[in-house]
Amino acid sequence: MNYLKAYLTESKSSYSYRIKTSEEVTDDMMDALEEHLKKYEASSVKSPKRGILQSAPIDFPGERGVNVTTIDFDSSQPASQFGLMTEIVRLWNIGENKIKVRAHNEPAMARELAEEKAKEEEYKVKLESEDYSADNVEKVDHAEYYGEDFKTKFVDEMMKLRREQMPEGVGYEGEKA
């Protein structure tokens, strides 16, 4: 019997969700949401994070100039994103186009979480580091990228490609057929 209890404790899963809304989230709305999420055994409901003003938010294409508010929560029971969205729409009395619910295992959420993680990592400028020196810079032959020699090589290569692609017997101005 102890093995069964240990197995059940180890096999408990946690499901993470993110609610995004273009509406302003009030304290009353959060209280109602927390009360509603008890049916999904929500273990943690994080406080709403208000994003910056966006002219065209990616999740709300019909909205212009809004702040997107995100609320993350963890649940021990799985739920349908669409089902959660419709329940929250009824709970908050807002339009369906003003709210999105995403699970953390969705591809769109994976991209978003990767972007958030990249923002958290501090970018270090190489020029300011002590181990950076001019000797470490790779040498570039600029003649390969611009200048008269580059232009003549480029035009010759384009003419060669044009000759290969043109049907036999058809010529163009400046070349014999």
Protein backbone atom coordinates (compact mmCIF):
# COMPACT_ATOMS: atom_id res chain seq x y z
CA MET A 1 0.00 0.00 0.00
CA ASN A 2 2.88 2.35 0.74
CA TYR A 3 4.19 1.84 -2.78
CA LEU A 4 0.88 2.98 -4.24
CA LYS A 5 0.87 6.15 -2.12
CA ALA A 6 4.46 6.91 -3.14
CA TYR A 7 3.62 6.33 -6.80
CA LEU A 8 0.58 8.61 -6.64
CA THR A 9 2.56 11.36 -4.95
CA GLU A 10 5.36 11.17 -7.52
CA SER A 11 2.99 11.04 -10.49
CA LYS A 12 1.19 14.29 -9.68
CA SER A 13 1.51 16.65 -12.60
CA SER A 14 1.43 20.40 -12.67
CA TYR A 15 -0.08 22.32 -15.58
CA SER A 16 0.89 25.92 -16.21
CA TYR A 17 -1.30 28.44 -18.01
CA ARG A 18 -1.06 32.08 -18.98
CA ILE A 19 -4.07 34.35 -19.28
CA LYS A 20 -3.61 37.43 -21.45
CA THR A 21 -6.15 40.19 -21.62
CA SER A 22 -6.34 43.61 -23.19
CA GLU A 23 -8.72 44.76 -20.44
CA GLU A 24 -7.70 46.38 -17.18
CA VAL A 25 -7.77 43.72 -14.43
CA THR A 26 -9.25 44.96 -11.16
CA ASP A 27 -8.95 43.45 -7.69
CA ASP A 28 -12.56 42.23 -7.87
CA MET A 29 -11.83 40.46 -11.16
CA MET A 30 -8.75 38.79 -9.62
CA ASP A 31 -10.73 37.66 -6.57
CA ALA A 32 -13.41 36.16 -8.81
CA LEU A 33 -10.73 34.45 -10.93
CA GLU A 34 -8.96 32.96 -7.91
CA GLU A 35 -12.27 31.69 -6.57
CA HIS A 36 -13.15 30.17 -9.96
CA LEU A 37 -9.74 28.50 -10.40
CA LYS A 38 -10.24 26.53 -7.19
CA LYS A 39 -12.22 24.03 -9.24
CA TYR A 40 -9.02 23.33 -11.21
CA GLU A 41 -7.04 23.06 -7.96
CA ALA A 42 -4.90 26.07 -8.82
CA SER A 43 -1.83 25.94 -6.62
CA SER A 44 -0.53 29.40 -7.43
CA VAL A 45 -2.12 32.38 -9.14
CA LYS A 46 0.44 35.11 -9.74
CA SER A 47 -0.45 38.77 -9.62
CA PRO A 48 -1.27 40.43 -12.95
CA LYS A 49 1.67 41.90 -14.86
CA ARG A 50 0.82 44.85 -17.03
CA GLY A 51 2.88 45.08 -20.20
CA ILE A 52 3.99 48.14 -22.10
CA LEU A 53 1.64 50.01 -24.40
CA GLN A 54 1.58 48.20 -27.75
CA SER A 55 0.27 49.66 -30.97
CA ALA A 56 -0.58 46.21 -32.42
CA PRO A 57 -0.38 43.39 -29.85
CA ILE A 58 0.36 40.00 -31.41
CA ASP A 59 -2.40 38.16 -29.51
CA PHE A 60 -5.03 40.83 -30.11
CA PRO A 61 -4.91 41.85 -33.78
CA GLY A 62 -8.13 43.88 -33.59
CA GLU A 63 -6.87 46.04 -30.73
CA ARG A 64 -4.79 49.19 -31.16
CA GLY A 65 -2.81 50.99 -28.48
CA VAL A 66 -3.50 48.74 -25.48
CA ASN A 67 -1.61 47.37 -22.50
CA VAL A 68 -1.66 43.58 -22.38
CA THR A 69 -2.02 42.17 -18.88
CA THR A 70 -0.74 38.64 -18.18
CA ILE A 71 -1.68 36.34 -15.33
CA ASP A 72 0.18 33.05 -14.80
CA PHE A 73 -1.21 30.19 -12.76
CA ASP A 74 -0.41 26.57 -12.04
CA SER A 75 -3.00 23.87 -11.71
CA SER A 76 -2.89 20.22 -10.73
CA GLN A 77 -5.75 19.40 -13.11
CA PRO A 78 -5.56 19.75 -16.90
CA ALA A 79 -7.98 22.12 -18.58
CA SER A 80 -8.90 23.12 -22.10
CA GLN A 81 -7.63 26.55 -23.05
CA PHE A 82 -10.85 27.31 -24.93
CA GLY A 83 -12.94 26.13 -21.97
CA LEU A 84 -10.97 28.31 -19.56
CA MET A 85 -11.29 31.27 -21.91
CA THR A 86 -15.09 30.97 -22.21
CA GLU A 87 -15.46 30.57 -18.42
CA ILE A 88 -13.34 33.68 -17.76
CA VAL A 89 -15.24 35.64 -20.43
CA ARG A 90 -18.50 34.86 -18.61
CA LEU A 91 -16.91 35.48 -15.21
CA TRP A 92 -15.43 38.88 -16.12
CA ASN A 93 -18.18 39.86 -18.59
CA ILE A 94 -15.78 40.83 -21.38
CA GLY A 95 -15.62 39.97 -25.09
CA GLU A 96 -13.92 36.82 -26.38
CA ASN A 97 -11.59 38.94 -28.50
CA LYS A 98 -10.20 40.58 -25.35
CA ILE A 99 -8.75 37.44 -23.71
CA LYS A 100 -6.42 34.56 -24.62
CA VAL A 101 -5.51 31.51 -22.54
CA ARG A 102 -2.37 29.56 -23.38
CA ALA A 103 -0.80 26.48 -21.89
CA HIS A 104 2.96 26.55 -21.30
CA ASN A 105 3.50 23.52 -23.55
CA GLU A 106 2.06 25.27 -26.62
CA PRO A 107 4.54 26.26 -29.38
CA ALA A 108 3.49 29.93 -29.21
CA MET A 109 4.08 29.96 -25.46
CA ALA A 110 7.45 28.24 -25.87
CA ARG A 111 8.53 31.08 -28.17
CA GLU A 112 7.26 33.68 -25.75
CA LEU A 113 8.97 32.06 -22.76
CA ALA A 114 12.25 31.85 -24.71
CA GLU A 115 12.00 35.57 -25.47
CA GLU A 116 11.40 36.33 -21.79
CA LYS A 117 14.40 34.21 -20.79
CA ALA A 118 16.59 35.99 -23.35
CA LYS A 119 15.54 39.37 -21.95
CA GLU A 120 16.54 38.26 -18.45
CA GLU A 121 20.07 37.31 -19.51
CA GLU A 122 22.41 40.24 -19.38
CA TYR A 123 24.06 41.22 -22.63
CA LYS A 124 27.77 41.98 -22.33
CA VAL A 125 29.45 44.31 -24.78
CA LYS A 126 32.59 42.75 -26.25
CA LEU A 127 34.46 46.02 -26.75
CA GLU A 128 34.33 46.76 -23.04
CA SER A 129 35.65 43.37 -21.94
CA GLU A 130 39.26 43.06 -20.86
CA ASP A 131 40.12 40.05 -23.03
CA TYR A 132 39.02 41.74 -26.26
CA SER A 133 41.86 42.97 -28.47
CA ALA A 134 42.28 44.04 -32.05
CA ASP A 135 44.34 40.90 -32.70
CA ASN A 136 41.24 38.73 -32.20
CA VAL A 137 39.35 40.44 -35.01
CA GLU A 138 39.17 38.39 -38.18
CA LYS A 139 40.64 39.98 -41.28
CA VAL A 140 38.16 40.77 -44.04
CA ASP A 141 39.10 41.35 -47.66
CA HIS A 142 36.85 44.25 -48.54
CA ALA A 143 37.49 43.84 -52.26
CA GLU A 144 35.21 40.78 -52.11
CA TYR A 145 32.25 42.96 -51.10
CA TYR A 146 32.56 46.28 -52.98
CA GLY A 147 34.63 48.18 -55.53
CA GLU A 148 35.13 48.01 -59.31
CA ASP A 149 36.53 44.46 -59.29
CA PHE A 150 33.53 43.25 -57.32
CA LYS A 151 31.10 44.94 -59.72
CA THR A 152 32.72 43.45 -62.85
CA LYS A 153 32.77 39.96 -61.29
CA PHE A 154 29.14 40.34 -60.29
CA VAL A 155 28.01 41.50 -63.75
CA ASP A 156 29.99 38.70 -65.44
CA GLU A 157 28.36 36.14 -63.16
CA MET A 158 24.88 37.53 -63.86
CA MET A 159 25.51 37.47 -67.61
CA LYS A 160 26.69 33.84 -67.36
CA LEU A 161 23.51 32.86 -65.48
CA ARG A 162 21.36 34.71 -67.99
CA ARG A 163 23.01 32.90 -70.91
CA GLU A 164 22.43 29.54 -69.20
CA GLN A 165 18.76 30.23 -68.59
CA MET A 166 17.95 31.75 -71.97
CA PRO A 167 16.64 29.38 -74.67
CA GLU A 168 18.80 28.58 -77.69
CA GLY A 169 18.54 31.13 -80.54
CA VAL A 170 16.97 33.90 -78.46
CA GLY A 171 19.22 36.86 -77.88
CA TYR A 172 18.93 40.22 -76.23
CA GLU A 173 20.24 43.62 -76.99
CA GLY A 174 24.03 43.74 -77.06
CA GLU A 175 24.53 40.03 -77.76
CA LYS A 176 24.32 38.04 -80.95
CA ALA A 177 21.67 35.38 -81.21
